[in-house]
Protein backbone atom coordinates (compact mmCIF):
# COMPACT_ATOMS: atom_id res chain seq x y z
CA UNK A 1 0.00 0.00 0.00
CA UNK A 2 1.33 3.43 -0.93
CA UNK A 3 1.91 5.96 1.79
CA UNK A 4 1.20 9.60 1.03
CA UNK A 5 4.35 11.63 0.68
CA UNK A 6 4.88 14.08 3.46
CA UNK A 7 7.19 17.00 3.06
CA UNK A 8 7.38 20.50 4.35
CA UNK A 9 6.68 23.24 1.88
CA UNK A 10 9.02 26.16 2.26
CA UNK A 11 7.15 29.00 3.91
CA UNK A 12 7.24 32.38 2.26
CA UNK A 13 8.11 35.33 4.40
CA UNK A 14 5.43 38.04 4.31
CA UNK A 15 6.29 41.16 2.34
CA UNK A 16 5.73 43.26 5.45
CA UNK A 17 6.26 42.40 9.08
CA UNK A 18 3.44 42.00 11.56
CA UNK A 19 4.46 45.24 13.27
CA UNK A 20 4.27 47.10 9.95
CA UNK A 21 0.80 45.69 9.24
CA UNK A 22 -0.41 46.70 12.72
CA UNK A 23 0.90 50.23 12.24
CA UNK A 24 -0.66 50.50 8.78
CA UNK A 25 -4.06 49.36 10.06
CA UNK A 26 -3.97 51.86 12.92
CA UNK A 27 -2.90 54.69 10.61
CA UNK A 28 -5.59 53.94 8.04
CA UNK A 29 -8.26 53.71 10.75
CA UNK A 30 -7.27 57.11 12.14
CA UNK A 31 -7.16 58.64 8.66
CA UNK A 32 -10.65 57.41 7.76
CA UNK A 33 -11.97 58.61 11.12
CA UNK A 34 -10.54 62.08 10.49
CA UNK A 35 -12.10 62.12 7.00
CA UNK A 36 -15.44 61.08 8.50
CA UNK A 37 -15.29 63.82 11.11
CA UNK A 38 -14.45 66.39 8.42
CA UNK A 39 -17.36 65.23 6.26
CA UNK A 40 -19.69 65.34 9.27
CA UNK A 41 -18.62 68.89 10.09
CA UNK A 42 -19.13 69.85 6.43
CA UNK A 43 -22.71 68.55 6.62
CA UNK A 44 -22.34 65.44 4.45
CA UNK A 45 -23.72 62.58 6.55
CA UNK A 46 -23.62 60.01 3.74
CA UNK A 47 -19.92 60.52 3.16
CA UNK A 48 -19.29 60.64 6.91
CA UNK A 49 -21.01 57.29 7.44
CA UNK A 50 -19.03 55.71 4.59
CA UNK A 51 -15.78 56.98 6.13
CA UNK A 52 -16.80 55.75 9.58
CA UNK A 53 -17.49 52.29 8.14
CA UNK A 54 -14.04 52.17 6.55
CA UNK A 55 -12.49 53.39 9.79
CA UNK A 56 -14.25 50.60 11.68
CA UNK A 57 -12.95 48.01 9.19
CA UNK A 58 -9.36 49.12 9.75
CA UNK A 59 -9.88 49.33 13.52
CA UNK A 60 -11.17 45.74 13.51
CA UNK A 61 -8.14 44.72 11.47
CA UNK A 62 -5.82 46.49 13.92
CA UNK A 63 -7.49 44.70 16.83
CA UNK A 64 -7.15 41.35 15.10
CA UNK A 65 -3.50 41.83 14.20
CA UNK A 66 -2.58 43.09 17.67
CA UNK A 67 -4.33 40.18 19.42
CA UNK A 68 -7.25 42.18 20.81
CA UNK A 69 -9.89 40.51 18.63
CA UNK A 70 -11.95 37.35 18.98
CA UNK A 71 -9.69 35.25 16.77
CA UNK A 72 -6.10 34.33 17.44
CA UNK A 73 -3.64 36.84 15.98
CA UNK A 74 -1.39 35.81 13.10
CA UNK A 75 2.04 34.53 13.93
CA UNK A 76 4.88 36.95 13.49
C-alpha atoms as a PDB file:
ATOM      1  CA  UNK A   1       0.000   0.000   0.000  1.00  0.00           C
ATOM      2  CA  UNK A   2       1.333   3.431  -0.932  1.00  0.00           C
ATOM      3  CA  UNK A   3       1.914   5.955   1.785  1.00  0.00           C
ATOM      4  CA  UNK A   4       1.201   9.603   1.028  1.00  0.00           C
ATOM      5  CA  UNK A   5       4.353  11.627   0.680  1.00  0.00           C
ATOM      6  CA  UNK A   6       4.879  14.080   3.455  1.00  0.00           C
ATOM      7  CA  UNK A   7       7.192  17.004   3.064  1.00  0.00           C
ATOM      8  CA  UNK A   8       7.380  20.500   4.352  1.00  0.00           C
ATOM      9  CA  UNK A   9       6.683  23.237   1.882  1.00  0.00           C
ATOM     10  CA  UNK A  10       9.025  26.164   2.261  1.00  0.00           C
ATOM     11  CA  UNK A  11       7.152  29.001   3.909  1.00  0.00           C
ATOM     12  CA  UNK A  12       7.240  32.378   2.264  1.00  0.00           C
ATOM     13  CA  UNK A  13       8.113  35.334   4.397  1.00  0.00           C
ATOM     14  CA  UNK A  14       5.433  38.045   4.310  1.00  0.00           C
ATOM     15  CA  UNK A  15       6.293  41.159   2.343  1.00  0.00           C
ATOM     16  CA  UNK A  16       5.726  43.265   5.448  1.00  0.00           C
ATOM     17  CA  UNK A  17       6.258  42.397   9.077  1.00  0.00           C
ATOM     18  CA  UNK A  18       3.443  42.005  11.563  1.00  0.00           C
ATOM     19  CA  UNK A  19       4.465  45.243  13.271  1.00  0.00           C
ATOM     20  CA  UNK A  20       4.270  47.099   9.947  1.00  0.00           C
ATOM     21  CA  UNK A  21       0.800  45.694   9.239  1.00  0.00           C
ATOM     22  CA  UNK A  22      -0.406  46.696  12.717  1.00  0.00           C
ATOM     23  CA  UNK A  23       0.904  50.232  12.243  1.00  0.00           C
ATOM     24  CA  UNK A  24      -0.658  50.505   8.783  1.00  0.00           C
ATOM     25  CA  UNK A  25      -4.064  49.360  10.060  1.00  0.00           C
ATOM     26  CA  UNK A  26      -3.970  51.858  12.919  1.00  0.00           C
ATOM     27  CA  UNK A  27      -2.898  54.685  10.609  1.00  0.00           C
ATOM     28  CA  UNK A  28      -5.591  53.944   8.041  1.00  0.00           C
ATOM     29  CA  UNK A  29      -8.258  53.708  10.749  1.00  0.00           C
ATOM     30  CA  UNK A  30      -7.271  57.107  12.138  1.00  0.00           C
ATOM     31  CA  UNK A  31      -7.163  58.636   8.663  1.00  0.00           C
ATOM     32  CA  UNK A  32     -10.652  57.408   7.755  1.00  0.00           C
ATOM     33  CA  UNK A  33     -11.968  58.611  11.122  1.00  0.00           C
ATOM     34  CA  UNK A  34     -10.537  62.076  10.486  1.00  0.00           C
ATOM     35  CA  UNK A  35     -12.100  62.121   7.004  1.00  0.00           C
ATOM     36  CA  UNK A  36     -15.440  61.081   8.499  1.00  0.00           C
ATOM     37  CA  UNK A  37     -15.289  63.817  11.106  1.00  0.00           C
ATOM     38  CA  UNK A  38     -14.448  66.388   8.423  1.00  0.00           C
ATOM     39  CA  UNK A  39     -17.360  65.234   6.262  1.00  0.00           C
ATOM     40  CA  UNK A  40     -19.692  65.335   9.274  1.00  0.00           C
ATOM     41  CA  UNK A  41     -18.622  68.894  10.091  1.00  0.00           C
ATOM     42  CA  UNK A  42     -19.134  69.848   6.427  1.00  0.00           C
ATOM     43  CA  UNK A  43     -22.713  68.551   6.624  1.00  0.00           C
ATOM     44  CA  UNK A  44     -22.340  65.439   4.446  1.00  0.00           C
ATOM     45  CA  UNK A  45     -23.721  62.585   6.554  1.00  0.00           C
ATOM     46  CA  UNK A  46     -23.622  60.013   3.737  1.00  0.00           C
ATOM     47  CA  UNK A  47     -19.916  60.516   3.158  1.00  0.00           C
ATOM     48  CA  UNK A  48     -19.288  60.645   6.911  1.00  0.00           C
ATOM     49  CA  UNK A  49     -21.012  57.285   7.438  1.00  0.00           C
ATOM     50  CA  UNK A  50     -19.028  55.707   4.594  1.00  0.00           C
ATOM     51  CA  UNK A  51     -15.778  56.980   6.127  1.00  0.00           C
ATOM     52  CA  UNK A  52     -16.803  55.748   9.575  1.00  0.00           C
ATOM     53  CA  UNK A  53     -17.489  52.286   8.145  1.00  0.00           C
ATOM     54  CA  UNK A  54     -14.040  52.174   6.550  1.00  0.00           C
ATOM     55  CA  UNK A  55     -12.489  53.388   9.789  1.00  0.00           C
ATOM     56  CA  UNK A  56     -14.252  50.599  11.680  1.00  0.00           C
ATOM     57  CA  UNK A  57     -12.953  48.014   9.189  1.00  0.00           C
ATOM     58  CA  UNK A  58      -9.360  49.123   9.755  1.00  0.00           C
ATOM     59  CA  UNK A  59      -9.875  49.330  13.522  1.00  0.00           C
ATOM     60  CA  UNK A  60     -11.168  45.742  13.511  1.00  0.00           C
ATOM     61  CA  UNK A  61      -8.135  44.718  11.473  1.00  0.00           C
ATOM     62  CA  UNK A  62      -5.822  46.494  13.921  1.00  0.00           C
ATOM     63  CA  UNK A  63      -7.491  44.704  16.834  1.00  0.00           C
ATOM     64  CA  UNK A  64      -7.152  41.346  15.097  1.00  0.00           C
ATOM     65  CA  UNK A  65      -3.501  41.827  14.200  1.00  0.00           C
ATOM     66  CA  UNK A  66      -2.583  43.088  17.667  1.00  0.00           C
ATOM     67  CA  UNK A  67      -4.329  40.183  19.417  1.00  0.00           C
ATOM     68  CA  UNK A  68      -7.247  42.176  20.810  1.00  0.00           C
ATOM     69  CA  UNK A  69      -9.888  40.511  18.634  1.00  0.00           C
ATOM     70  CA  UNK A  70     -11.948  37.353  18.984  1.00  0.00           C
ATOM     71  CA  UNK A  71      -9.688  35.249  16.773  1.00  0.00           C
ATOM     72  CA  UNK A  72      -6.096  34.333  17.439  1.00  0.00           C
ATOM     73  CA  UNK A  73      -3.641  36.843  15.983  1.00  0.00           C
ATOM     74  CA  UNK A  74      -1.392  35.813  13.095  1.00  0.00           C
ATOM     75  CA  UNK A  75       2.043  34.529  13.935  1.00  0.00           C
ATOM     76  CA  UNK A  76       4.885  36.954  13.489  1.00  0.00           C
END
